[in-house]
Amino acid sequence: MFTSFQSRSRLARRLVIYAVCIALFSVSIACASFFGRKQQGVVTFYNGIPELCPQIDMLRQKNLKPVHSVDELKRHYGLTFFISFKDGISPSLYGTLYHHDREKLQYCMVLPDGQFAVIQDSVQGDRFNMQQEVCYPIKDCLDDANP
């Protein structure tokens, strides 16, 4: 009888450990999808402010926050950019560049859909992969890109 109690106790302990592990795994998946990121070419998209670039160093505006429209982007940050890439894989972007790490060739950008993007630029031949143009409204940049 005592042995049966010990085996039940061990079984209960294992079940609790398994339940805790499953709960932690579920929470980590939920956090990853909420704060998650998605990569396309040299661009990584984030739902929140990326840890790589938590502050503004390229603008007068020092309050970093997500925005949810082009008007809010222009009103809060003042400057908007159209970014394109020569690699043919990375998507074109429209938003505000707010951080640049010259050593790593890394840029951070606020997008008008509430997301943030981290761009890992590279040199192809004697030119950079990323091309940036100060632009507002975006239609003017798209018209220039497709004459």
N, C-alpha and C. Protein backbone atom coordinates (compact mmCIF):
# COMPACT_ATOMS: atom_id res chain seq x y z
N MET A 1 0.83 -1.19 0.00
CA MET A 1 0.00 0.00 0.00
C MET A 1 0.87 1.25 0.00
N PHE A 2 1.94 1.24 0.80
CA PHE A 2 2.85 2.39 0.86
C PHE A 2 3.52 2.61 -0.50
N THR A 3 3.90 1.53 -1.19
CA THR A 3 4.53 1.61 -2.50
C THR A 3 3.56 2.19 -3.52
N SER A 4 2.33 1.80 -3.43
CA SER A 4 1.31 2.33 -4.33
C SER A 4 1.16 3.84 -4.16
N PHE A 5 1.21 4.29 -2.90
CA PHE A 5 1.12 5.73 -2.63
C PHE A 5 2.31 6.47 -3.23
N GLN A 6 3.51 5.89 -3.10
CA GLN A 6 4.71 6.52 -3.65
C GLN A 6 4.63 6.61 -5.17
N SER A 7 4.17 5.57 -5.82
CA SER A 7 4.09 5.59 -7.28
C SER A 7 3.03 6.59 -7.75
N ARG A 8 1.93 6.69 -7.00
CA ARG A 8 0.91 7.69 -7.35
C ARG A 8 1.46 9.10 -7.15
N SER A 9 2.22 9.27 -6.09
CA SER A 9 2.82 10.57 -5.81
C SER A 9 3.81 10.96 -6.92
N ARG A 10 4.62 10.01 -7.35
CA ARG A 10 5.56 10.27 -8.45
C ARG A 10 4.80 10.59 -9.74
N LEU A 11 3.75 9.85 -10.00
CA LEU A 11 2.94 10.07 -11.19
C LEU A 11 2.30 11.46 -11.15
N ALA A 12 1.77 11.83 -10.00
CA ALA A 12 1.15 13.16 -9.85
C ALA A 12 2.19 14.26 -10.06
N ARG A 13 3.38 14.06 -9.50
CA ARG A 13 4.45 15.04 -9.66
C ARG A 13 4.83 15.19 -11.14
N ARG A 14 4.94 14.07 -11.84
CA ARG A 14 5.27 14.11 -13.27
C ARG A 14 4.18 14.82 -14.07
N LEU A 15 2.93 14.55 -13.74
CA LEU A 15 1.83 15.20 -14.44
C LEU A 15 1.86 16.71 -14.23
N VAL A 16 2.17 17.14 -13.01
CA VAL A 16 2.27 18.57 -12.73
C VAL A 16 3.42 19.18 -13.53
N ILE A 17 4.55 18.49 -13.57
CA ILE A 17 5.71 18.99 -14.33
C ILE A 17 5.35 19.09 -15.81
N TYR A 18 4.69 18.07 -16.36
CA TYR A 18 4.29 18.11 -17.77
C TYR A 18 3.32 19.25 -18.03
N ALA A 19 2.37 19.44 -17.12
CA ALA A 19 1.39 20.52 -17.29
C ALA A 19 2.08 21.88 -17.28
N VAL A 20 3.03 22.06 -16.37
CA VAL A 20 3.76 23.33 -16.30
C VAL A 20 4.57 23.54 -17.58
N CYS A 21 5.23 22.49 -18.07
CA CYS A 21 6.00 22.60 -19.31
C CYS A 21 5.11 22.97 -20.49
N ILE A 22 3.96 22.34 -20.59
CA ILE A 22 3.02 22.65 -21.68
C ILE A 22 2.54 24.08 -21.56
N ALA A 23 2.24 24.53 -20.35
CA ALA A 23 1.79 25.91 -20.16
C ALA A 23 2.89 26.90 -20.55
N LEU A 24 4.12 26.65 -20.14
CA LEU A 24 5.23 27.53 -20.51
C LEU A 24 5.45 27.56 -22.02
N PHE A 25 5.35 26.40 -22.65
CA PHE A 25 5.49 26.32 -24.10
C PHE A 25 4.39 27.12 -24.80
N SER A 26 3.16 26.99 -24.32
CA SER A 26 2.04 27.73 -24.90
C SER A 26 2.22 29.23 -24.75
N VAL A 27 2.67 29.66 -23.58
CA VAL A 27 2.91 31.09 -23.35
C VAL A 27 4.02 31.59 -24.25
N SER A 28 5.09 30.81 -24.42
CA SER A 28 6.19 31.26 -25.28
C SER A 28 5.74 31.37 -26.73
N ILE A 29 4.89 30.48 -27.19
CA ILE A 29 4.37 30.57 -28.56
C ILE A 29 3.48 31.80 -28.70
N ALA A 30 2.62 32.05 -27.71
CA ALA A 30 1.75 33.22 -27.76
C ALA A 30 2.57 34.50 -27.77
N CYS A 31 3.61 34.57 -26.95
CA CYS A 31 4.47 35.77 -26.92
C CYS A 31 5.21 35.93 -28.24
N ALA A 32 5.67 34.83 -28.80
CA ALA A 32 6.40 34.92 -30.06
C ALA A 32 5.51 35.43 -31.18
N SER A 33 4.24 35.02 -31.17
CA SER A 33 3.36 35.50 -32.23
C SER A 33 2.93 36.94 -31.98
N PHE A 34 2.79 37.34 -30.69
CA PHE A 34 2.42 38.72 -30.40
C PHE A 34 3.58 39.67 -30.68
N PHE A 35 4.75 39.32 -30.17
CA PHE A 35 5.93 40.15 -30.40
C PHE A 35 6.71 39.63 -31.60
N GLY A 36 6.07 38.72 -32.29
CA GLY A 36 6.72 37.98 -33.34
C GLY A 36 7.33 38.80 -34.44
N ARG A 37 8.01 38.09 -35.24
CA ARG A 37 8.65 38.74 -36.36
C ARG A 37 8.52 37.86 -37.57
N LYS A 38 8.59 38.52 -38.71
CA LYS A 38 8.48 37.83 -39.98
C LYS A 38 9.57 38.40 -40.87
N GLN A 39 10.28 37.55 -41.57
CA GLN A 39 11.38 38.04 -42.39
C GLN A 39 11.08 37.84 -43.86
N GLN A 40 11.41 38.88 -44.64
CA GLN A 40 11.34 38.83 -46.10
C GLN A 40 12.62 39.45 -46.63
N GLY A 41 13.49 38.64 -47.21
CA GLY A 41 14.76 39.15 -47.71
C GLY A 41 15.58 39.71 -46.57
N VAL A 42 16.00 40.98 -46.70
CA VAL A 42 16.83 41.62 -45.66
C VAL A 42 15.99 42.40 -44.65
N VAL A 43 14.66 42.27 -44.72
CA VAL A 43 13.76 43.01 -43.84
C VAL A 43 13.11 42.05 -42.85
N THR A 44 13.15 42.43 -41.57
CA THR A 44 12.45 41.67 -40.54
C THR A 44 11.38 42.59 -39.95
N PHE A 45 10.14 42.12 -39.94
CA PHE A 45 9.01 42.89 -39.43
C PHE A 45 8.73 42.50 -37.99
N TYR A 46 8.40 43.49 -37.17
CA TYR A 46 8.10 43.28 -35.75
C TYR A 46 6.75 43.92 -35.42
N ASN A 47 5.99 43.28 -34.52
CA ASN A 47 4.72 43.84 -34.07
C ASN A 47 4.92 44.89 -32.98
N GLY A 48 6.07 44.90 -32.35
CA GLY A 48 6.40 45.87 -31.31
C GLY A 48 7.75 46.49 -31.60
N ILE A 49 8.19 47.37 -30.73
CA ILE A 49 9.48 48.04 -30.91
C ILE A 49 10.59 46.99 -30.79
N PRO A 50 11.43 46.85 -31.81
CA PRO A 50 12.49 45.84 -31.77
C PRO A 50 13.53 46.14 -30.69
N GLU A 51 14.02 45.09 -30.04
CA GLU A 51 15.06 45.26 -29.02
C GLU A 51 16.34 45.81 -29.63
N LEU A 52 16.56 45.55 -30.92
CA LEU A 52 17.78 46.01 -31.58
C LEU A 52 17.87 47.53 -31.67
N CYS A 53 16.72 48.19 -31.65
CA CYS A 53 16.71 49.65 -31.83
C CYS A 53 15.56 50.26 -31.04
N PRO A 54 15.70 50.33 -29.72
CA PRO A 54 14.61 50.80 -28.87
C PRO A 54 14.47 52.31 -28.78
N GLN A 55 15.39 53.08 -29.37
CA GLN A 55 15.28 54.53 -29.28
C GLN A 55 15.61 55.18 -30.63
N ILE A 56 15.18 56.42 -30.75
CA ILE A 56 15.38 57.20 -31.97
C ILE A 56 16.75 57.88 -31.90
N ASP A 57 17.50 57.79 -33.00
CA ASP A 57 18.76 58.53 -33.04
C ASP A 57 18.94 59.29 -34.35
N MET A 58 17.94 59.28 -35.21
CA MET A 58 18.06 59.96 -36.49
C MET A 58 17.10 61.14 -36.65
N LEU A 59 16.25 61.40 -35.67
CA LEU A 59 15.22 62.43 -35.79
C LEU A 59 15.20 63.31 -34.55
N ARG A 60 14.58 64.47 -34.68
CA ARG A 60 14.36 65.33 -33.50
C ARG A 60 13.34 64.72 -32.55
N GLN A 61 12.33 64.09 -33.13
CA GLN A 61 11.29 63.43 -32.32
C GLN A 61 11.95 62.32 -31.51
N LYS A 62 11.76 62.30 -30.23
CA LYS A 62 12.40 61.28 -29.38
C LYS A 62 11.40 60.29 -28.79
N ASN A 63 10.11 60.49 -29.04
CA ASN A 63 9.08 59.60 -28.53
C ASN A 63 8.79 58.53 -29.58
N LEU A 64 9.32 57.34 -29.38
CA LEU A 64 9.14 56.24 -30.32
C LEU A 64 7.84 55.52 -30.01
N LYS A 65 6.95 55.45 -30.99
CA LYS A 65 5.67 54.77 -30.79
C LYS A 65 5.16 54.24 -32.12
N PRO A 66 4.34 53.20 -32.08
CA PRO A 66 3.74 52.72 -33.32
C PRO A 66 2.69 53.71 -33.82
N VAL A 67 2.51 53.75 -35.12
CA VAL A 67 1.47 54.58 -35.73
C VAL A 67 0.62 53.69 -36.63
N HIS A 68 -0.59 54.15 -36.95
CA HIS A 68 -1.51 53.29 -37.68
C HIS A 68 -2.08 53.92 -38.94
N SER A 69 -1.42 54.95 -39.45
CA SER A 69 -1.82 55.54 -40.72
C SER A 69 -0.67 56.39 -41.25
N VAL A 70 -0.72 56.68 -42.53
CA VAL A 70 0.30 57.54 -43.13
C VAL A 70 0.22 58.94 -42.54
N ASP A 71 -1.00 59.44 -42.31
CA ASP A 71 -1.16 60.77 -41.72
C ASP A 71 -0.55 60.84 -40.32
N GLU A 72 -0.80 59.81 -39.51
CA GLU A 72 -0.23 59.77 -38.16
C GLU A 72 1.30 59.66 -38.22
N LEU A 73 1.80 58.89 -39.16
CA LEU A 73 3.25 58.75 -39.36
C LEU A 73 3.87 60.10 -39.67
N LYS A 74 3.29 60.82 -40.62
CA LYS A 74 3.80 62.13 -41.03
C LYS A 74 3.68 63.14 -39.89
N ARG A 75 2.54 63.12 -39.20
CA ARG A 75 2.30 64.07 -38.11
C ARG A 75 3.26 63.83 -36.93
N HIS A 76 3.48 62.57 -36.57
CA HIS A 76 4.31 62.28 -35.40
C HIS A 76 5.81 62.36 -35.69
N TYR A 77 6.23 61.80 -36.82
CA TYR A 77 7.67 61.72 -37.11
C TYR A 77 8.15 62.79 -38.09
N GLY A 78 7.25 63.31 -38.92
CA GLY A 78 7.60 64.42 -39.80
C GLY A 78 8.25 64.06 -41.10
N LEU A 79 8.95 62.97 -41.17
CA LEU A 79 9.73 62.62 -42.35
C LEU A 79 9.36 61.21 -42.78
N THR A 80 9.11 61.01 -44.05
CA THR A 80 8.78 59.68 -44.54
C THR A 80 9.72 59.29 -45.68
N PHE A 81 10.00 58.01 -45.76
CA PHE A 81 10.93 57.48 -46.76
C PHE A 81 10.27 56.37 -47.55
N PHE A 82 10.68 56.27 -48.80
CA PHE A 82 10.36 55.11 -49.63
C PHE A 82 11.67 54.34 -49.77
N ILE A 83 11.66 53.08 -49.39
CA ILE A 83 12.86 52.24 -49.43
C ILE A 83 12.62 51.12 -50.44
N SER A 84 13.59 50.93 -51.32
CA SER A 84 13.53 49.80 -52.25
C SER A 84 14.86 49.07 -52.20
N PHE A 85 14.87 47.86 -52.74
CA PHE A 85 16.06 47.01 -52.67
C PHE A 85 16.39 46.46 -54.04
N LYS A 86 17.67 46.30 -54.30
CA LYS A 86 18.13 45.78 -55.59
C LYS A 86 18.13 44.26 -55.64
N ASP A 87 17.98 43.60 -54.49
CA ASP A 87 18.10 42.14 -54.47
C ASP A 87 16.93 41.40 -55.11
N GLY A 88 15.81 42.09 -55.36
CA GLY A 88 14.66 41.44 -55.98
C GLY A 88 13.88 40.53 -55.04
N ILE A 89 14.28 40.44 -53.79
CA ILE A 89 13.61 39.58 -52.81
C ILE A 89 12.92 40.40 -51.73
N SER A 90 13.62 41.41 -51.26
CA SER A 90 13.13 42.23 -50.14
C SER A 90 12.01 43.15 -50.61
N PRO A 91 10.98 43.34 -49.79
CA PRO A 91 9.85 44.20 -50.18
C PRO A 91 10.20 45.68 -50.07
N SER A 92 9.59 46.49 -50.92
CA SER A 92 9.72 47.94 -50.79
C SER A 92 8.97 48.37 -49.53
N LEU A 93 9.44 49.43 -48.89
CA LEU A 93 8.85 49.89 -47.64
C LEU A 93 8.55 51.38 -47.70
N TYR A 94 7.55 51.80 -46.94
CA TYR A 94 7.24 53.21 -46.78
C TYR A 94 7.06 53.46 -45.30
N GLY A 95 7.81 54.39 -44.76
CA GLY A 95 7.72 54.69 -43.33
C GLY A 95 8.78 55.70 -42.94
N THR A 96 9.16 55.70 -41.68
CA THR A 96 10.16 56.63 -41.16
C THR A 96 11.36 55.87 -40.61
N LEU A 97 12.53 56.15 -41.16
CA LEU A 97 13.77 55.60 -40.62
C LEU A 97 14.11 56.35 -39.34
N TYR A 98 14.38 55.63 -38.26
CA TYR A 98 14.65 56.31 -37.00
C TYR A 98 15.95 55.88 -36.33
N HIS A 99 16.58 54.84 -36.82
CA HIS A 99 17.82 54.36 -36.18
C HIS A 99 18.74 53.78 -37.25
N HIS A 100 20.04 54.03 -37.11
CA HIS A 100 21.03 53.51 -38.05
C HIS A 100 22.27 53.08 -37.29
N ASP A 101 22.67 51.84 -37.47
CA ASP A 101 23.93 51.35 -36.91
C ASP A 101 24.90 51.22 -38.08
N ARG A 102 25.81 52.16 -38.20
CA ARG A 102 26.73 52.22 -39.34
C ARG A 102 27.64 51.00 -39.42
N GLU A 103 28.08 50.50 -38.29
CA GLU A 103 28.98 49.34 -38.29
C GLU A 103 28.30 48.08 -38.80
N LYS A 104 27.06 47.89 -38.43
CA LYS A 104 26.32 46.69 -38.82
C LYS A 104 25.52 46.88 -40.11
N LEU A 105 25.51 48.10 -40.67
CA LEU A 105 24.68 48.44 -41.84
C LEU A 105 23.22 48.08 -41.56
N GLN A 106 22.73 48.47 -40.40
CA GLN A 106 21.39 48.11 -39.97
C GLN A 106 20.55 49.37 -39.75
N TYR A 107 19.32 49.35 -40.26
CA TYR A 107 18.39 50.46 -40.12
C TYR A 107 17.13 49.96 -39.43
N CYS A 108 16.46 50.87 -38.71
CA CYS A 108 15.17 50.55 -38.11
C CYS A 108 14.15 51.56 -38.61
N MET A 109 12.93 51.08 -38.82
CA MET A 109 11.91 51.89 -39.47
C MET A 109 10.55 51.68 -38.81
N VAL A 110 9.80 52.77 -38.66
CA VAL A 110 8.41 52.71 -38.21
C VAL A 110 7.55 52.65 -39.47
N LEU A 111 6.61 51.73 -39.50
CA LEU A 111 5.72 51.59 -40.65
C LEU A 111 4.33 52.11 -40.30
N PRO A 112 3.56 52.57 -41.30
CA PRO A 112 2.24 53.16 -41.01
C PRO A 112 1.15 52.15 -40.66
N ASP A 113 1.48 50.86 -40.58
CA ASP A 113 0.47 49.86 -40.22
C ASP A 113 0.64 49.35 -38.79
N GLY A 114 1.40 50.11 -37.97
CA GLY A 114 1.60 49.72 -36.58
C GLY A 114 2.80 48.82 -36.35
N GLN A 115 3.47 48.41 -37.41
CA GLN A 115 4.63 47.54 -37.29
C GLN A 115 5.93 48.33 -37.34
N PHE A 116 7.01 47.62 -37.05
CA PHE A 116 8.36 48.15 -37.17
C PHE A 116 9.14 47.21 -38.08
N ALA A 117 10.17 47.72 -38.73
CA ALA A 117 11.01 46.90 -39.59
C ALA A 117 12.47 47.14 -39.25
N VAL A 118 13.24 46.07 -39.27
CA VAL A 118 14.69 46.16 -39.15
C VAL A 118 15.26 45.72 -40.49
N ILE A 119 16.11 46.56 -41.05
CA ILE A 119 16.68 46.32 -42.38
C ILE A 119 18.16 46.05 -42.21
N GLN A 120 18.60 44.92 -42.73
CA GLN A 120 20.03 44.58 -42.71
C GLN A 120 20.57 44.82 -44.11
N ASP A 121 21.16 45.98 -44.32
CA ASP A 121 21.66 46.34 -45.65
C ASP A 121 22.94 45.57 -45.95
N SER A 122 23.31 45.55 -47.21
CA SER A 122 24.55 44.91 -47.64
C SER A 122 25.08 45.66 -48.85
N VAL A 123 26.31 45.38 -49.19
CA VAL A 123 26.91 45.99 -50.37
C VAL A 123 26.95 44.94 -51.47
N GLN A 124 26.42 45.31 -52.64
CA GLN A 124 26.45 44.43 -53.79
C GLN A 124 27.33 45.09 -54.84
N GLY A 125 28.49 44.50 -55.07
CA GLY A 125 29.45 45.14 -55.96
C GLY A 125 29.99 46.38 -55.28
N ASP A 126 29.76 47.53 -55.89
CA ASP A 126 30.21 48.78 -55.28
C ASP A 126 29.03 49.62 -54.79
N ARG A 127 27.83 49.02 -54.70
CA ARG A 127 26.63 49.76 -54.28
C ARG A 127 25.90 49.05 -53.16
N PHE A 128 25.16 49.85 -52.41
CA PHE A 128 24.33 49.29 -51.35
C PHE A 128 23.08 48.65 -51.94
N ASN A 129 22.60 47.60 -51.29
CA ASN A 129 21.36 46.94 -51.71
C ASN A 129 20.16 47.86 -51.50
N MET A 130 20.15 48.60 -50.39
CA MET A 130 19.02 49.45 -50.04
C MET A 130 19.14 50.82 -50.70
N GLN A 131 18.03 51.28 -51.27
CA GLN A 131 17.96 52.63 -51.82
C GLN A 131 16.87 53.36 -51.07
N GLN A 132 17.17 54.56 -50.58
CA GLN A 132 16.17 55.32 -49.83
C GLN A 132 15.92 56.67 -50.48
N GLU A 133 14.68 57.08 -50.38
CA GLU A 133 14.27 58.36 -50.95
C GLU A 133 13.31 59.03 -49.96
N VAL A 134 13.58 60.29 -49.61
CA VAL A 134 12.64 61.03 -48.77
C VAL A 134 11.42 61.29 -49.63
N CYS A 135 10.24 61.03 -49.09
CA CYS A 135 9.08 61.03 -49.95
C CYS A 135 7.78 61.28 -49.18
N TYR A 136 6.91 62.11 -49.73
CA TYR A 136 5.55 62.27 -49.22
C TYR A 136 4.74 62.99 -50.28
N PRO A 137 3.59 62.54 -50.65
CA PRO A 137 2.98 61.25 -50.31
C PRO A 137 3.65 60.12 -51.10
N ILE A 138 3.33 58.89 -50.71
CA ILE A 138 3.98 57.74 -51.34
C ILE A 138 3.70 57.68 -52.84
N LYS A 139 2.56 58.14 -53.26
CA LYS A 139 2.20 58.10 -54.69
C LYS A 139 3.24 58.84 -55.53
N ASP A 140 3.82 59.93 -54.99
CA ASP A 140 4.84 60.66 -55.73
C ASP A 140 6.09 59.80 -55.94
N CYS A 141 6.47 59.03 -54.96
CA CYS A 141 7.64 58.15 -55.10
C CYS A 141 7.36 57.03 -56.08
N LEU A 142 6.17 56.47 -56.02
CA LEU A 142 5.82 55.39 -56.93
C LEU A 142 5.75 55.89 -58.36
N ASP A 143 5.27 57.13 -58.55
CA ASP A 143 5.24 57.71 -59.89
C ASP A 143 6.65 57.91 -60.43
N ASP A 144 7.59 58.32 -59.56
CA ASP A 144 8.98 58.51 -59.97
C ASP A 144 9.64 57.18 -60.31
N ALA A 145 9.27 56.13 -59.58
CA ALA A 145 9.88 54.82 -59.79
C ALA A 145 9.41 54.17 -61.08
N ASN A 146 8.22 54.53 -61.53
CA ASN A 146 7.65 53.95 -62.76
C ASN A 146 7.30 55.07 -63.74
N PRO A 147 8.29 55.63 -64.43
CA PRO A 147 7.98 56.75 -65.33
C PRO A 147 7.13 56.34 -66.51
